[in-house]
């Protein structure tokens, strides 16, 4: 339950522009989270 809040905060810390840029490149929505958002959120999560 605590880790979930940490992960949520880490994801929200990433600019929405990253998601929009990934979508503009044609990356599927399911892959955007694993390839773009979570790797950048790790620096906030760990």
ModelCIF file with pLDDT and N, C-alpha, C, O atoms, coordinates in Angstrom:
data_MODEL
#
_entry.id   MODEL 
#
_entity.id                         1 
_entity.type                       polymer 
_entity.pdbx_number_of_molecules   1 
#
_entity_poly.entity_id                      1 
_entity_poly.type                           'polypeptide(L)' 
_entity_poly.nstd_linkage                   no 
_entity_poly.nstd_monomer                   no 
_entity_poly.pdbx_seq_one_letter_code       
;(UNK)(UNK)(UNK)(UNK)(UNK)(UNK)(UNK)(UNK)(UNK)(UNK)(UNK)(UNK)(UNK)(UNK)(UNK)(UNK)
(UNK)(UNK)(UNK)(UNK)(UNK)(UNK)(UNK)(UNK)(UNK)(UNK)(UNK)(UNK)(UNK)(UNK)(UNK)(UNK)
(UNK)(UNK)(UNK)(UNK)(UNK)(UNK)(UNK)(UNK)(UNK)(UNK)(UNK)(UNK)(UNK)(UNK)
;
_entity_poly.pdbx_seq_one_letter_code_can   XXXXXXXXXXXXXXXXXXXXXXXXXXXXXXXXXXXXXXXXXXXXXX 
_entity_poly.pdbx_strand_id                 A 
#
loop_
_entity_poly_seq.entity_id 
_entity_poly_seq.num 
_entity_poly_seq.mon_id 
_entity_poly_seq.hetero 
1 1  UNK n 
1 2  UNK n 
1 3  UNK n 
1 4  UNK n 
1 5  UNK n 
1 6  UNK n 
1 7  UNK n 
1 8  UNK n 
1 9  UNK n 
1 10 UNK n 
1 11 UNK n 
1 12 UNK n 
1 13 UNK n 
1 14 UNK n 
1 15 UNK n 
1 16 UNK n 
1 17 UNK n 
1 18 UNK n 
1 19 UNK n 
1 20 UNK n 
1 21 UNK n 
1 22 UNK n 
1 23 UNK n 
1 24 UNK n 
1 25 UNK n 
1 26 UNK n 
1 27 UNK n 
1 28 UNK n 
1 29 UNK n 
1 30 UNK n 
1 31 UNK n 
1 32 UNK n 
1 33 UNK n 
1 34 UNK n 
1 35 UNK n 
1 36 UNK n 
1 37 UNK n 
1 38 UNK n 
1 39 UNK n 
1 40 UNK n 
1 41 UNK n 
1 42 UNK n 
1 43 UNK n 
1 44 UNK n 
1 45 UNK n 
1 46 UNK n 
#
_struct_asym.id          A 
_struct_asym.entity_id   1 
#
loop_
_ma_qa_metric.id 
_ma_qa_metric.mode 
_ma_qa_metric.name 
_ma_qa_metric.software_group_id 
_ma_qa_metric.type 
1 global pLDDT . pLDDT 
2 local  pLDDT . pLDDT 
#
_ma_qa_metric_global.metric_id      1 
_ma_qa_metric_global.metric_value   85.59 
_ma_qa_metric_global.model_id       1 
_ma_qa_metric_global.ordinal_id     1 
#
loop_
_ma_qa_metric_local.label_asym_id 
_ma_qa_metric_local.label_comp_id 
_ma_qa_metric_local.label_seq_id 
_ma_qa_metric_local.metric_id 
_ma_qa_metric_local.metric_value 
_ma_qa_metric_local.model_id 
_ma_qa_metric_local.ordinal_id 
A UNK 1  2 95.00 1 1  
A UNK 2  2 95.00 1 2  
A UNK 3  2 95.00 1 3  
A UNK 4  2 94.00 1 4  
A UNK 5  2 94.00 1 5  
A UNK 6  2 93.00 1 6  
A UNK 7  2 92.00 1 7  
A UNK 8  2 92.00 1 8  
A UNK 9  2 91.00 1 9  
A UNK 10 2 89.00 1 10 
A UNK 11 2 88.00 1 11 
A UNK 12 2 88.00 1 12 
A UNK 13 2 87.00 1 13 
A UNK 14 2 85.00 1 14 
A UNK 15 2 84.00 1 15 
A UNK 16 2 84.00 1 16 
A UNK 17 2 85.00 1 17 
A UNK 18 2 84.00 1 18 
A UNK 19 2 82.00 1 19 
A UNK 20 2 84.00 1 20 
A UNK 21 2 86.00 1 21 
A UNK 22 2 84.00 1 22 
A UNK 23 2 84.00 1 23 
A UNK 24 2 86.00 1 24 
A UNK 25 2 82.00 1 25 
A UNK 26 2 82.00 1 26 
A UNK 27 2 82.00 1 27 
A UNK 28 2 81.00 1 28 
A UNK 29 2 77.00 1 29 
A UNK 30 2 76.00 1 30 
A UNK 31 2 81.00 1 31 
A UNK 32 2 83.00 1 32 
A UNK 33 2 81.00 1 33 
A UNK 34 2 79.00 1 34 
A UNK 35 2 80.00 1 35 
A UNK 36 2 84.00 1 36 
A UNK 37 2 84.00 1 37 
A UNK 38 2 83.00 1 38 
A UNK 39 2 82.00 1 39 
A UNK 40 2 84.00 1 40 
A UNK 41 2 84.00 1 41 
A UNK 42 2 85.00 1 42 
A UNK 43 2 84.00 1 43 
A UNK 44 2 85.00 1 44 
A UNK 45 2 88.00 1 45 
A UNK 46 2 89.00 1 46 
#
loop_
_atom_site.group_PDB 
_atom_site.id 
_atom_site.type_symbol 
_atom_site.label_atom_id 
_atom_site.label_alt_id 
_atom_site.label_comp_id 
_atom_site.label_asym_id 
_atom_site.label_entity_id 
_atom_site.label_seq_id 
_atom_site.pdbx_PDB_ins_code 
_atom_site.Cartn_x 
_atom_site.Cartn_y 
_atom_site.Cartn_z 
_atom_site.occupancy 
_atom_site.B_iso_or_equiv 
_atom_site.pdbx_formal_charge 
_atom_site.auth_seq_id 
_atom_site.auth_comp_id 
_atom_site.auth_asym_id 
_atom_site.auth_atom_id 
_atom_site.pdbx_PDB_model_num 
ATOM 1   N N  . UNK A 1 1  ? 0.831  -1.206 0.000   1.00 95.00 ? 1  UNK A N  1 
ATOM 2   C CA . UNK A 1 1  ? 0.000  0.000  0.000   1.00 95.00 ? 1  UNK A CA 1 
ATOM 3   C C  . UNK A 1 1  ? 0.869  1.261  0.000   1.00 95.00 ? 1  UNK A C  1 
ATOM 4   O O  . UNK A 1 1  ? 0.546  2.236  -0.678  1.00 95.00 ? 1  UNK A O  1 
ATOM 5   N N  . UNK A 1 2  ? 1.962  1.242  0.754   1.00 95.00 ? 2  UNK A N  1 
ATOM 6   C CA . UNK A 1 2  ? 2.870  2.391  0.777   1.00 95.00 ? 2  UNK A CA 1 
ATOM 7   C C  . UNK A 1 2  ? 3.664  2.482  -0.526  1.00 95.00 ? 2  UNK A C  1 
ATOM 8   O O  . UNK A 1 2  ? 3.883  3.574  -1.051  1.00 95.00 ? 2  UNK A O  1 
ATOM 9   N N  . UNK A 1 3  ? 4.093  1.329  -1.043  1.00 95.00 ? 3  UNK A N  1 
ATOM 10  C CA . UNK A 1 3  ? 4.837  1.331  -2.297  1.00 95.00 ? 3  UNK A CA 1 
ATOM 11  C C  . UNK A 1 3  ? 3.958  1.848  -3.435  1.00 95.00 ? 3  UNK A C  1 
ATOM 12  O O  . UNK A 1 3  ? 4.444  2.539  -4.331  1.00 95.00 ? 3  UNK A O  1 
ATOM 13  N N  . UNK A 1 4  ? 2.667  1.514  -3.402  1.00 94.00 ? 4  UNK A N  1 
ATOM 14  C CA . UNK A 1 4  ? 1.750  1.991  -4.439  1.00 94.00 ? 4  UNK A CA 1 
ATOM 15  C C  . UNK A 1 4  ? 1.710  3.515  -4.476  1.00 94.00 ? 4  UNK A C  1 
ATOM 16  O O  . UNK A 1 4  ? 1.702  4.112  -5.552  1.00 94.00 ? 4  UNK A O  1 
ATOM 17  N N  . UNK A 1 5  ? 1.685  4.141  -3.308  1.00 94.00 ? 5  UNK A N  1 
ATOM 18  C CA . UNK A 1 5  ? 1.679  5.609  -3.266  1.00 94.00 ? 5  UNK A CA 1 
ATOM 19  C C  . UNK A 1 5  ? 3.008  6.175  -3.755  1.00 94.00 ? 5  UNK A C  1 
ATOM 20  O O  . UNK A 1 5  ? 3.037  7.227  -4.394  1.00 94.00 ? 5  UNK A O  1 
ATOM 21  N N  . UNK A 1 6  ? 4.104  5.487  -3.459  1.00 93.00 ? 6  UNK A N  1 
ATOM 22  C CA . UNK A 1 6  ? 5.410  5.931  -3.949  1.00 93.00 ? 6  UNK A CA 1 
ATOM 23  C C  . UNK A 1 6  ? 5.460  5.851  -5.472  1.00 93.00 ? 6  UNK A C  1 
ATOM 24  O O  . UNK A 1 6  ? 5.943  6.770  -6.132  1.00 93.00 ? 6  UNK A O  1 
ATOM 25  N N  . UNK A 1 7  ? 4.959  4.751  -6.022  1.00 92.00 ? 7  UNK A N  1 
ATOM 26  C CA . UNK A 1 7  ? 4.941  4.584  -7.477  1.00 92.00 ? 7  UNK A CA 1 
ATOM 27  C C  . UNK A 1 7  ? 4.041  5.636  -8.125  1.00 92.00 ? 7  UNK A C  1 
ATOM 28  O O  . UNK A 1 7  ? 4.400  6.230  -9.142  1.00 92.00 ? 7  UNK A O  1 
ATOM 29  N N  . UNK A 1 8  ? 2.880  5.858  -7.531  1.00 92.00 ? 8  UNK A N  1 
ATOM 30  C CA . UNK A 1 8  ? 1.958  6.857  -8.086  1.00 92.00 ? 8  UNK A CA 1 
ATOM 31  C C  . UNK A 1 8  ? 2.603  8.251  -8.084  1.00 92.00 ? 8  UNK A C  1 
ATOM 32  O O  . UNK A 1 8  ? 2.491  8.991  -9.061  1.00 92.00 ? 8  UNK A O  1 
ATOM 33  N N  . UNK A 1 9  ? 3.273  8.599  -6.988  1.00 91.00 ? 9  UNK A N  1 
ATOM 34  C CA . UNK A 1 9  ? 3.944  9.899  -6.922  1.00 91.00 ? 9  UNK A CA 1 
ATOM 35  C C  . UNK A 1 9  ? 5.065  9.996  -7.952  1.00 91.00 ? 9  UNK A C  1 
ATOM 36  O O  . UNK A 1 9  ? 5.262  11.045 -8.565  1.00 91.00 ? 9  UNK A O  1 
ATOM 37  N N  . UNK A 1 10 ? 5.799  8.896  -8.139  1.00 89.00 ? 10 UNK A N  1 
ATOM 38  C CA . UNK A 1 10 ? 6.872  8.903  -9.127  1.00 89.00 ? 10 UNK A CA 1 
ATOM 39  C C  . UNK A 1 10 ? 6.354  9.096  -10.538 1.00 89.00 ? 10 UNK A C  1 
ATOM 40  O O  . UNK A 1 10 ? 6.956  9.816  -11.334 1.00 89.00 ? 10 UNK A O  1 
ATOM 41  N N  . UNK A 1 11 ? 5.228  8.447  -10.852 1.00 88.00 ? 11 UNK A N  1 
ATOM 42  C CA . UNK A 1 11 ? 4.644  8.598  -12.189 1.00 88.00 ? 11 UNK A CA 1 
ATOM 43  C C  . UNK A 1 11 ? 4.131  10.017 -12.395 1.00 88.00 ? 11 UNK A C  1 
ATOM 44  O O  . UNK A 1 11 ? 4.324  10.601 -13.461 1.00 88.00 ? 11 UNK A O  1 
ATOM 45  N N  . UNK A 1 12 ? 3.483  10.571 -11.383 1.00 88.00 ? 12 UNK A N  1 
ATOM 46  C CA . UNK A 1 12 ? 2.962  11.936 -11.502 1.00 88.00 ? 12 UNK A CA 1 
ATOM 47  C C  . UNK A 1 12 ? 4.075  12.969 -11.602 1.00 88.00 ? 12 UNK A C  1 
ATOM 48  O O  . UNK A 1 12 ? 3.852  14.078 -12.086 1.00 88.00 ? 12 UNK A O  1 
ATOM 49  N N  . UNK A 1 13 ? 5.278  12.610 -11.144 1.00 87.00 ? 13 UNK A N  1 
ATOM 50  C CA . UNK A 1 13 ? 6.404  13.538 -11.221 1.00 87.00 ? 13 UNK A CA 1 
ATOM 51  C C  . UNK A 1 13 ? 6.938  13.682 -12.642 1.00 87.00 ? 13 UNK A C  1 
ATOM 52  O O  . UNK A 1 13 ? 7.682  14.619 -12.933 1.00 87.00 ? 13 UNK A O  1 
ATOM 53  N N  . UNK A 1 14 ? 6.565  12.763 -13.527 1.00 85.00 ? 14 UNK A N  1 
ATOM 54  C CA . UNK A 1 14 ? 7.018  12.822 -14.916 1.00 85.00 ? 14 UNK A CA 1 
ATOM 55  C C  . UNK A 1 14 ? 6.062  13.706 -15.715 1.00 85.00 ? 14 UNK A C  1 
ATOM 56  O O  . UNK A 1 14 ? 4.841  13.575 -15.622 1.00 85.00 ? 14 UNK A O  1 
ATOM 57  N N  . UNK A 1 15 ? 6.635  14.591 -16.486 1.00 84.00 ? 15 UNK A N  1 
ATOM 58  C CA . UNK A 1 15 ? 5.832  15.520 -17.276 1.00 84.00 ? 15 UNK A CA 1 
ATOM 59  C C  . UNK A 1 15 ? 4.919  14.776 -18.253 1.00 84.00 ? 15 UNK A C  1 
ATOM 60  O O  . UNK A 1 15 ? 5.311  13.759 -18.825 1.00 84.00 ? 15 UNK A O  1 
ATOM 61  N N  . UNK A 1 16 ? 3.716  15.283 -18.436 1.00 84.00 ? 16 UNK A N  1 
ATOM 62  C CA . UNK A 1 16 ? 2.792  14.690 -19.398 1.00 84.00 ? 16 UNK A CA 1 
ATOM 63  C C  . UNK A 1 16 ? 3.311  14.788 -20.822 1.00 84.00 ? 16 UNK A C  1 
ATOM 64  O O  . UNK A 1 16 ? 2.891  14.042 -21.707 1.00 84.00 ? 16 UNK A O  1 
ATOM 65  N N  . UNK A 1 17 ? 4.223  15.712 -21.025 1.00 85.00 ? 17 UNK A N  1 
ATOM 66  C CA . UNK A 1 17 ? 4.816  15.837 -22.352 1.00 85.00 ? 17 UNK A CA 1 
ATOM 67  C C  . UNK A 1 17 ? 5.561  14.587 -22.782 1.00 85.00 ? 17 UNK A C  1 
ATOM 68  O O  . UNK A 1 17 ? 5.660  14.299 -23.975 1.00 85.00 ? 17 UNK A O  1 
ATOM 69  N N  . UNK A 1 18 ? 6.091  13.838 -21.808 1.00 84.00 ? 18 UNK A N  1 
ATOM 70  C CA . UNK A 1 18 ? 6.773  12.585 -22.138 1.00 84.00 ? 18 UNK A CA 1 
ATOM 71  C C  . UNK A 1 18 ? 5.792  11.585 -22.729 1.00 84.00 ? 18 UNK A C  1 
ATOM 72  O O  . UNK A 1 18 ? 6.103  10.910 -23.710 1.00 84.00 ? 18 UNK A O  1 
ATOM 73  N N  . UNK A 1 19 ? 4.614  11.490 -22.135 1.00 82.00 ? 19 UNK A N  1 
ATOM 74  C CA . UNK A 1 19 ? 3.590  10.578 -22.665 1.00 82.00 ? 19 UNK A CA 1 
ATOM 75  C C  . UNK A 1 19 ? 3.139  11.015 -24.047 1.00 82.00 ? 19 UNK A C  1 
ATOM 76  O O  . UNK A 1 19 ? 2.983  10.187 -24.944 1.00 82.00 ? 19 UNK A O  1 
ATOM 77  N N  . UNK A 1 20 ? 2.931  12.313 -24.221 1.00 84.00 ? 20 UNK A N  1 
ATOM 78  C CA . UNK A 1 20 ? 2.489  12.816 -25.519 1.00 84.00 ? 20 UNK A CA 1 
ATOM 79  C C  . UNK A 1 20 ? 3.551  12.613 -26.588 1.00 84.00 ? 20 UNK A C  1 
ATOM 80  O O  . UNK A 1 20 ? 3.229  12.280 -27.729 1.00 84.00 ? 20 UNK A O  1 
ATOM 81  N N  . UNK A 1 21 ? 4.820  12.810 -26.226 1.00 86.00 ? 21 UNK A N  1 
ATOM 82  C CA . UNK A 1 21 ? 5.898  12.611 -27.197 1.00 86.00 ? 21 UNK A CA 1 
ATOM 83  C C  . UNK A 1 21 ? 6.009  11.144 -27.597 1.00 86.00 ? 21 UNK A C  1 
ATOM 84  O O  . UNK A 1 21 ? 6.223  10.830 -28.768 1.00 86.00 ? 21 UNK A O  1 
ATOM 85  N N  . UNK A 1 22 ? 5.862  10.238 -26.615 1.00 84.00 ? 22 UNK A N  1 
ATOM 86  C CA . UNK A 1 22 ? 5.919  8.810  -26.923 1.00 84.00 ? 22 UNK A CA 1 
ATOM 87  C C  . UNK A 1 22 ? 4.761  8.397  -27.815 1.00 84.00 ? 22 UNK A C  1 
ATOM 88  O O  . UNK A 1 22 ? 4.934  7.600  -28.737 1.00 84.00 ? 22 UNK A O  1 
ATOM 89  N N  . UNK A 1 23 ? 3.573  8.941  -27.539 1.00 84.00 ? 23 UNK A N  1 
ATOM 90  C CA . UNK A 1 23 ? 2.419  8.618  -28.379 1.00 84.00 ? 23 UNK A CA 1 
ATOM 91  C C  . UNK A 1 23 ? 2.598  9.164  -29.789 1.00 84.00 ? 23 UNK A C  1 
ATOM 92  O O  . UNK A 1 23 ? 2.174  8.535  -30.758 1.00 84.00 ? 23 UNK A O  1 
ATOM 93  N N  . UNK A 1 24 ? 3.229  10.343 -29.911 1.00 86.00 ? 24 UNK A N  1 
ATOM 94  C CA . UNK A 1 24 ? 3.471  10.928 -31.228 1.00 86.00 ? 24 UNK A CA 1 
ATOM 95  C C  . UNK A 1 24 ? 4.437  10.089 -32.052 1.00 86.00 ? 24 UNK A C  1 
ATOM 96  O O  . UNK A 1 24 ? 4.387  10.099 -33.282 1.00 86.00 ? 24 UNK A O  1 
ATOM 97  N N  . UNK A 1 25 ? 5.327  9.353  -31.358 1.00 82.00 ? 25 UNK A N  1 
ATOM 98  C CA . UNK A 1 25 ? 6.267  8.476  -32.057 1.00 82.00 ? 25 UNK A CA 1 
ATOM 99  C C  . UNK A 1 25 ? 5.644  7.145  -32.444 1.00 82.00 ? 25 UNK A C  1 
ATOM 100 O O  . UNK A 1 25 ? 6.289  6.319  -33.089 1.00 82.00 ? 25 UNK A O  1 
ATOM 101 N N  . UNK A 1 26 ? 4.389  6.934  -32.052 1.00 82.00 ? 26 UNK A N  1 
ATOM 102 C CA . UNK A 1 26 ? 3.696  5.713  -32.431 1.00 82.00 ? 26 UNK A CA 1 
ATOM 103 C C  . UNK A 1 26 ? 3.821  4.586  -31.434 1.00 82.00 ? 26 UNK A C  1 
ATOM 104 O O  . UNK A 1 26 ? 3.459  3.451  -31.745 1.00 82.00 ? 26 UNK A O  1 
ATOM 105 N N  . UNK A 1 27 ? 4.324  4.866  -30.241 1.00 82.00 ? 27 UNK A N  1 
ATOM 106 C CA . UNK A 1 27 ? 4.443  3.817  -29.223 1.00 82.00 ? 27 UNK A CA 1 
ATOM 107 C C  . UNK A 1 27 ? 3.065  3.511  -28.656 1.00 82.00 ? 27 UNK A C  1 
ATOM 108 O O  . UNK A 1 27 ? 2.284  4.417  -28.365 1.00 82.00 ? 27 UNK A O  1 
ATOM 109 N N  . UNK A 1 28 ? 2.778  2.225  -28.504 1.00 81.00 ? 28 UNK A N  1 
ATOM 110 C CA . UNK A 1 28 ? 1.478  1.817  -27.996 1.00 81.00 ? 28 UNK A CA 1 
ATOM 111 C C  . UNK A 1 28 ? 1.313  2.270  -26.541 1.00 81.00 ? 28 UNK A C  1 
ATOM 112 O O  . UNK A 1 28 ? 2.292  2.319  -25.796 1.00 81.00 ? 28 UNK A O  1 
ATOM 113 N N  . UNK A 1 29 ? 0.079  2.603  -26.134 1.00 77.00 ? 29 UNK A N  1 
ATOM 114 C CA . UNK A 1 29 ? -0.146 3.091  -24.762 1.00 77.00 ? 29 UNK A CA 1 
ATOM 115 C C  . UNK A 1 29 ? 0.368  2.140  -23.685 1.00 77.00 ? 29 UNK A C  1 
ATOM 116 O O  . UNK A 1 29 ? 0.905  2.586  -22.670 1.00 77.00 ? 29 UNK A O  1 
ATOM 117 N N  . UNK A 1 30 ? 0.208  0.826  -23.897 1.00 76.00 ? 30 UNK A N  1 
ATOM 118 C CA . UNK A 1 30 ? 0.674  -0.120 -22.882 1.00 76.00 ? 30 UNK A CA 1 
ATOM 119 C C  . UNK A 1 30 ? 2.192  -0.126 -22.764 1.00 76.00 ? 30 UNK A C  1 
ATOM 120 O O  . UNK A 1 30 ? 2.741  -0.441 -21.708 1.00 76.00 ? 30 UNK A O  1 
ATOM 121 N N  . UNK A 1 31 ? 2.874  0.229  -23.869 1.00 81.00 ? 31 UNK A N  1 
ATOM 122 C CA . UNK A 1 31 ? 4.327  0.218  -23.843 1.00 81.00 ? 31 UNK A CA 1 
ATOM 123 C C  . UNK A 1 31 ? 4.896  1.542  -23.338 1.00 81.00 ? 31 UNK A C  1 
ATOM 124 O O  . UNK A 1 31 ? 6.037  1.599  -22.880 1.00 81.00 ? 31 UNK A O  1 
ATOM 125 N N  . UNK A 1 32 ? 4.101  2.599  -23.424 1.00 83.00 ? 32 UNK A N  1 
ATOM 126 C CA . UNK A 1 32 ? 4.578  3.898  -22.957 1.00 83.00 ? 32 UNK A CA 1 
ATOM 127 C C  . UNK A 1 32 ? 4.916  3.840  -21.474 1.00 83.00 ? 32 UNK A C  1 
ATOM 128 O O  . UNK A 1 32 ? 5.934  4.384  -21.046 1.00 83.00 ? 32 UNK A O  1 
ATOM 129 N N  . UNK A 1 33 ? 4.062  3.180  -20.683 1.00 81.00 ? 33 UNK A N  1 
ATOM 130 C CA . UNK A 1 33 ? 4.296  3.103  -19.243 1.00 81.00 ? 33 UNK A CA 1 
ATOM 131 C C  . UNK A 1 33 ? 5.575  2.345  -18.922 1.00 81.00 ? 33 UNK A C  1 
ATOM 132 O O  . UNK A 1 33 ? 6.352  2.779  -18.072 1.00 81.00 ? 33 UNK A O  1 
ATOM 133 N N  . UNK A 1 34 ? 5.805  1.211  -19.596 1.00 79.00 ? 34 UNK A N  1 
ATOM 134 C CA . UNK A 1 34 ? 6.966  0.370  -19.273 1.00 79.00 ? 34 UNK A CA 1 
ATOM 135 C C  . UNK A 1 34 ? 8.257  0.868  -19.896 1.00 79.00 ? 34 UNK A C  1 
ATOM 136 O O  . UNK A 1 34 ? 9.330  0.649  -19.334 1.00 79.00 ? 34 UNK A O  1 
ATOM 137 N N  . UNK A 1 35 ? 8.183  1.537  -21.047 1.00 80.00 ? 35 UNK A N  1 
ATOM 138 C CA . UNK A 1 35 ? 9.396  1.952  -21.743 1.00 80.00 ? 35 UNK A CA 1 
ATOM 139 C C  . UNK A 1 35 ? 9.777  3.406  -21.501 1.00 80.00 ? 35 UNK A C  1 
ATOM 140 O O  . UNK A 1 35 ? 10.951 3.763  -21.598 1.00 80.00 ? 35 UNK A O  1 
ATOM 141 N N  . UNK A 1 36 ? 8.801  4.244  -21.187 1.00 84.00 ? 36 UNK A N  1 
ATOM 142 C CA . UNK A 1 36 ? 9.077  5.680  -21.085 1.00 84.00 ? 36 UNK A CA 1 
ATOM 143 C C  . UNK A 1 36 ? 8.873  6.210  -19.665 1.00 84.00 ? 36 UNK A C  1 
ATOM 144 O O  . UNK A 1 36 ? 9.768  6.836  -19.097 1.00 84.00 ? 36 UNK A O  1 
ATOM 145 N N  . UNK A 1 37 ? 7.698  5.957  -19.097 1.00 84.00 ? 37 UNK A N  1 
ATOM 146 C CA . UNK A 1 37 ? 7.339  6.589  -17.824 1.00 84.00 ? 37 UNK A CA 1 
ATOM 147 C C  . UNK A 1 37 ? 8.062  5.952  -16.638 1.00 84.00 ? 37 UNK A C  1 
ATOM 148 O O  . UNK A 1 37 ? 8.759  6.643  -15.895 1.00 84.00 ? 37 UNK A O  1 
ATOM 149 N N  . UNK A 1 38 ? 7.901  4.643  -16.456 1.00 83.00 ? 38 UNK A N  1 
ATOM 150 C CA . UNK A 1 38 ? 8.490  3.993  -15.276 1.00 83.00 ? 38 UNK A CA 1 
ATOM 151 C C  . UNK A 1 38 ? 10.013 4.115  -15.219 1.00 83.00 ? 38 UNK A C  1 
ATOM 152 O O  . UNK A 1 38 ? 10.547 4.383  -14.142 1.00 83.00 ? 38 UNK A O  1 
ATOM 153 N N  . UNK A 1 39 ? 10.746 3.929  -16.342 1.00 82.00 ? 39 UNK A N  1 
ATOM 154 C CA . UNK A 1 39 ? 12.206 4.112  -16.243 1.00 82.00 ? 39 UNK A CA 1 
ATOM 155 C C  . UNK A 1 39 ? 12.606 5.492  -15.740 1.00 82.00 ? 39 UNK A C  1 
ATOM 156 O O  . UNK A 1 39 ? 13.578 5.616  -14.995 1.00 82.00 ? 39 UNK A O  1 
ATOM 157 N N  . UNK A 1 40 ? 11.872 6.534  -16.135 1.00 84.00 ? 40 UNK A N  1 
ATOM 158 C CA . UNK A 1 40 ? 12.194 7.872  -15.641 1.00 84.00 ? 40 UNK A CA 1 
ATOM 159 C C  . UNK A 1 40 ? 11.726 8.078  -14.207 1.00 84.00 ? 40 UNK A C  1 
ATOM 160 O O  . UNK A 1 40 ? 12.328 8.842  -13.452 1.00 84.00 ? 40 UNK A O  1 
ATOM 161 N N  . UNK A 1 41 ? 10.650 7.393  -13.835 1.00 84.00 ? 41 UNK A N  1 
ATOM 162 C CA . UNK A 1 41 ? 10.117 7.545  -12.479 1.00 84.00 ? 41 UNK A CA 1 
ATOM 163 C C  . UNK A 1 41 ? 10.964 6.838  -11.437 1.00 84.00 ? 41 UNK A C  1 
ATOM 164 O O  . UNK A 1 41 ? 10.837 7.114  -10.244 1.00 84.00 ? 41 UNK A O  1 
ATOM 165 N N  . UNK A 1 42 ? 11.832 5.926  -11.875 1.00 85.00 ? 42 UNK A N  1 
ATOM 166 C CA . UNK A 1 42 ? 12.632 5.167  -10.917 1.00 85.00 ? 42 UNK A CA 1 
ATOM 167 C C  . UNK A 1 42 ? 13.496 6.075  -10.049 1.00 85.00 ? 42 UNK A C  1 
ATOM 168 O O  . UNK A 1 42 ? 13.701 5.789  -8.869  1.00 85.00 ? 42 UNK A O  1 
ATOM 169 N N  . UNK A 1 43 ? 13.997 7.150  -10.613 1.00 84.00 ? 43 UNK A N  1 
ATOM 170 C CA . UNK A 1 43 ? 14.860 8.045  -9.829  1.00 84.00 ? 43 UNK A CA 1 
ATOM 171 C C  . UNK A 1 43 ? 14.099 8.702  -8.680  1.00 84.00 ? 43 UNK A C  1 
ATOM 172 O O  . UNK A 1 43 ? 14.700 9.126  -7.693  1.00 84.00 ? 43 UNK A O  1 
ATOM 173 N N  . UNK A 1 44 ? 12.770 8.786  -8.812  1.00 85.00 ? 44 UNK A N  1 
ATOM 174 C CA . UNK A 1 44 ? 11.936 9.319  -7.742  1.00 85.00 ? 44 UNK A CA 1 
ATOM 175 C C  . UNK A 1 44 ? 11.450 8.201  -6.822  1.00 85.00 ? 44 UNK A C  1 
ATOM 176 O O  . UNK A 1 44 ? 11.250 8.421  -5.628  1.00 85.00 ? 44 UNK A O  1 
ATOM 177 N N  . UNK A 1 45 ? 11.261 7.010  -7.372  1.00 88.00 ? 45 UNK A N  1 
ATOM 178 C CA . UNK A 1 45 ? 10.665 5.904  -6.626  1.00 88.00 ? 45 UNK A CA 1 
ATOM 179 C C  . UNK A 1 45 ? 11.657 5.221  -5.692  1.00 88.00 ? 45 UNK A C  1 
ATOM 180 O O  . UNK A 1 45 ? 11.313 4.900  -4.554  1.00 88.00 ? 45 UNK A O  1 
ATOM 181 N N  . UNK A 1 46 ? 12.878 4.996  -6.158  1.00 89.00 ? 46 UNK A N  1 
ATOM 182 C CA . UNK A 1 46 ? 13.809 4.124  -5.428  1.00 89.00 ? 46 UNK A CA 1 
ATOM 183 C C  . UNK A 1 46 ? 14.190 4.654  -4.045  1.00 89.00 ? 46 UNK A C  1 
ATOM 184 O O  . UNK A 1 46 ? 14.964 4.016  -3.332  1.00 89.00 ? 46 UNK A O  1 
#
